[in-house]
Amino acid sequence: MNHYSNILNFFDRRSTNASAESFNAKINNFRLQLRGVKDKVLLLFRIIYFPSLNF
């Protein structure tokens, strides 16, 4: 019952969060490739200013 409105939203408007999930997967893949990144500011900079890169 907690997610009832979100589930119905898909059937009513055919809207999903697939684009957000895809972006999240790209960020996670990027983080896995750069294990042990210590400079989080640089990581966020690269994510924000270079969104066309395939992480």
N, C-alpha and C. Protein backbone atom coordinates (compact mmCIF):
# COMPACT_ATOMS: atom_id res chain seq x y z
N MET A 1 0.82 -1.21 0.00
CA MET A 1 0.00 0.00 0.00
C MET A 1 0.86 1.27 0.00
N ASN A 2 2.10 1.18 0.48
CA ASN A 2 2.96 2.36 0.52
C ASN A 2 3.30 2.86 -0.87
N HIS A 3 3.42 1.96 -1.84
CA HIS A 3 3.83 2.33 -3.20
C HIS A 3 2.68 2.24 -4.19
N TYR A 4 1.48 2.20 -3.70
CA TYR A 4 0.30 2.04 -4.54
C TYR A 4 0.20 3.13 -5.61
N SER A 5 0.38 4.38 -5.24
CA SER A 5 0.25 5.49 -6.19
C SER A 5 1.36 5.45 -7.24
N ASN A 6 2.57 5.05 -6.85
CA ASN A 6 3.68 4.96 -7.82
C ASN A 6 3.44 3.84 -8.82
N ILE A 7 2.90 2.74 -8.36
CA ILE A 7 2.62 1.62 -9.27
C ILE A 7 1.52 2.00 -10.23
N LEU A 8 0.49 2.64 -9.76
CA LEU A 8 -0.61 3.06 -10.64
C LEU A 8 -0.17 4.13 -11.61
N ASN A 9 0.81 4.94 -11.25
CA ASN A 9 1.31 5.99 -12.12
C ASN A 9 1.82 5.40 -13.43
N PHE A 10 2.46 4.25 -13.38
CA PHE A 10 2.95 3.62 -14.60
C PHE A 10 1.79 3.25 -15.52
N PHE A 11 0.75 2.67 -14.97
CA PHE A 11 -0.36 2.24 -15.80
C PHE A 11 -1.21 3.40 -16.30
N ASP A 12 -1.30 4.47 -15.52
CA ASP A 12 -2.09 5.63 -15.93
C ASP A 12 -1.36 6.49 -16.95
N ARG A 13 -0.08 6.78 -16.71
CA ARG A 13 0.64 7.73 -17.54
C ARG A 13 1.80 7.11 -18.31
N ARG A 14 2.07 5.83 -18.10
CA ARG A 14 3.19 5.13 -18.74
C ARG A 14 4.53 5.81 -18.46
N SER A 15 4.66 6.36 -17.28
CA SER A 15 5.92 7.00 -16.91
C SER A 15 6.70 6.10 -15.96
N THR A 16 8.00 6.06 -16.16
CA THR A 16 8.86 5.24 -15.31
C THR A 16 10.07 6.07 -14.88
N ASN A 17 10.88 5.49 -14.06
CA ASN A 17 12.12 6.14 -13.63
C ASN A 17 13.32 5.47 -14.30
N ALA A 18 13.13 4.93 -15.49
CA ALA A 18 14.19 4.20 -16.19
C ALA A 18 15.40 5.09 -16.46
N SER A 19 15.19 6.33 -16.81
CA SER A 19 16.33 7.21 -17.10
C SER A 19 17.15 7.46 -15.83
N ALA A 20 16.49 7.63 -14.71
CA ALA A 20 17.21 7.81 -13.45
C ALA A 20 17.97 6.55 -13.06
N GLU A 21 17.37 5.40 -13.27
CA GLU A 21 18.04 4.14 -12.96
C GLU A 21 19.24 3.94 -13.86
N SER A 22 19.12 4.31 -15.12
CA SER A 22 20.24 4.18 -16.06
C SER A 22 21.40 5.08 -15.65
N PHE A 23 21.10 6.31 -15.27
CA PHE A 23 22.14 7.23 -14.84
C PHE A 23 22.81 6.72 -13.57
N ASN A 24 22.02 6.18 -12.65
CA ASN A 24 22.57 5.62 -11.42
C ASN A 24 23.50 4.45 -11.73
N ALA A 25 23.12 3.61 -12.68
CA ALA A 25 23.97 2.48 -13.07
C ALA A 25 25.28 2.97 -13.68
N LYS A 26 25.24 4.04 -14.46
CA LYS A 26 26.46 4.60 -15.05
C LYS A 26 27.39 5.13 -13.97
N ILE A 27 26.84 5.79 -12.97
CA ILE A 27 27.65 6.32 -11.87
C ILE A 27 28.28 5.17 -11.09
N ASN A 28 27.49 4.14 -10.82
CA ASN A 28 28.03 3.00 -10.08
C ASN A 28 29.13 2.29 -10.87
N ASN A 29 28.94 2.15 -12.17
CA ASN A 29 29.96 1.54 -13.02
C ASN A 29 31.24 2.38 -13.01
N PHE A 30 31.08 3.68 -13.08
CA PHE A 30 32.22 4.59 -13.04
C PHE A 30 32.98 4.45 -11.73
N ARG A 31 32.25 4.38 -10.63
CA ARG A 31 32.88 4.22 -9.33
C ARG A 31 33.61 2.90 -9.21
N LEU A 32 33.07 1.85 -9.79
CA LEU A 32 33.73 0.55 -9.73
C LEU A 32 35.03 0.56 -10.52
N GLN A 33 35.05 1.28 -11.62
CA GLN A 33 36.26 1.36 -12.44
C GLN A 33 37.36 2.13 -11.72
N LEU A 34 36.99 3.06 -10.88
CA LEU A 34 37.96 3.88 -10.16
C LEU A 34 37.93 3.54 -8.67
N ARG A 35 38.21 2.31 -8.38
CA ARG A 35 38.18 1.88 -6.98
C ARG A 35 39.15 2.71 -6.15
N GLY A 36 38.68 3.13 -5.00
CA GLY A 36 39.55 3.87 -4.10
C GLY A 36 39.69 5.34 -4.43
N VAL A 37 38.72 5.93 -5.12
CA VAL A 37 38.80 7.35 -5.42
C VAL A 37 38.71 8.12 -4.11
N LYS A 38 39.71 8.96 -3.88
CA LYS A 38 39.74 9.72 -2.63
C LYS A 38 39.24 11.15 -2.82
N ASP A 39 39.37 11.67 -4.03
CA ASP A 39 38.96 13.05 -4.30
C ASP A 39 37.51 13.06 -4.79
N LYS A 40 36.58 13.12 -3.86
CA LYS A 40 35.16 13.07 -4.20
C LYS A 40 34.72 14.32 -4.96
N VAL A 41 35.36 15.45 -4.71
CA VAL A 41 35.02 16.68 -5.41
C VAL A 41 35.31 16.52 -6.90
N LEU A 42 36.45 15.94 -7.24
CA LEU A 42 36.79 15.71 -8.64
C LEU A 42 35.83 14.72 -9.27
N LEU A 43 35.45 13.69 -8.55
CA LEU A 43 34.49 12.72 -9.05
C LEU A 43 33.17 13.40 -9.40
N LEU A 44 32.67 14.21 -8.50
CA LEU A 44 31.40 14.92 -8.76
C LEU A 44 31.55 15.92 -9.90
N PHE A 45 32.69 16.56 -9.99
CA PHE A 45 32.94 17.50 -11.09
C PHE A 45 32.85 16.78 -12.43
N ARG A 46 33.49 15.63 -12.51
CA ARG A 46 33.49 14.88 -13.77
C ARG A 46 32.09 14.39 -14.12
N ILE A 47 31.31 14.01 -13.13
CA ILE A 47 29.94 13.55 -13.38
C ILE A 47 29.06 14.69 -13.86
N ILE A 48 29.23 15.87 -13.26
CA ILE A 48 28.37 17.00 -13.58
C ILE A 48 28.75 17.65 -14.92
N TYR A 49 30.03 17.86 -15.15
CA TYR A 49 30.45 18.63 -16.31
C TYR A 49 30.78 17.80 -17.54
N PHE A 50 30.80 16.48 -17.41
CA PHE A 50 31.05 15.62 -18.55
C PHE A 50 30.00 14.52 -18.64
N PRO A 51 28.72 14.90 -18.74
CA PRO A 51 27.67 13.87 -18.73
C PRO A 51 27.66 13.02 -20.00
N SER A 52 28.30 13.49 -21.06
CA SER A 52 28.28 12.72 -22.30
C SER A 52 29.27 11.58 -22.28
N LEU A 53 30.15 11.55 -21.29
CA LEU A 53 31.10 10.46 -21.20
C LEU A 53 30.37 9.17 -20.84
N ASN A 54 30.83 8.09 -21.41
CA ASN A 54 30.26 6.80 -21.04
C ASN A 54 31.01 6.28 -19.83
N PHE A 55 30.42 6.45 -18.68
CA PHE A 55 31.09 6.03 -17.44
C PHE A 55 31.24 4.57 -17.48
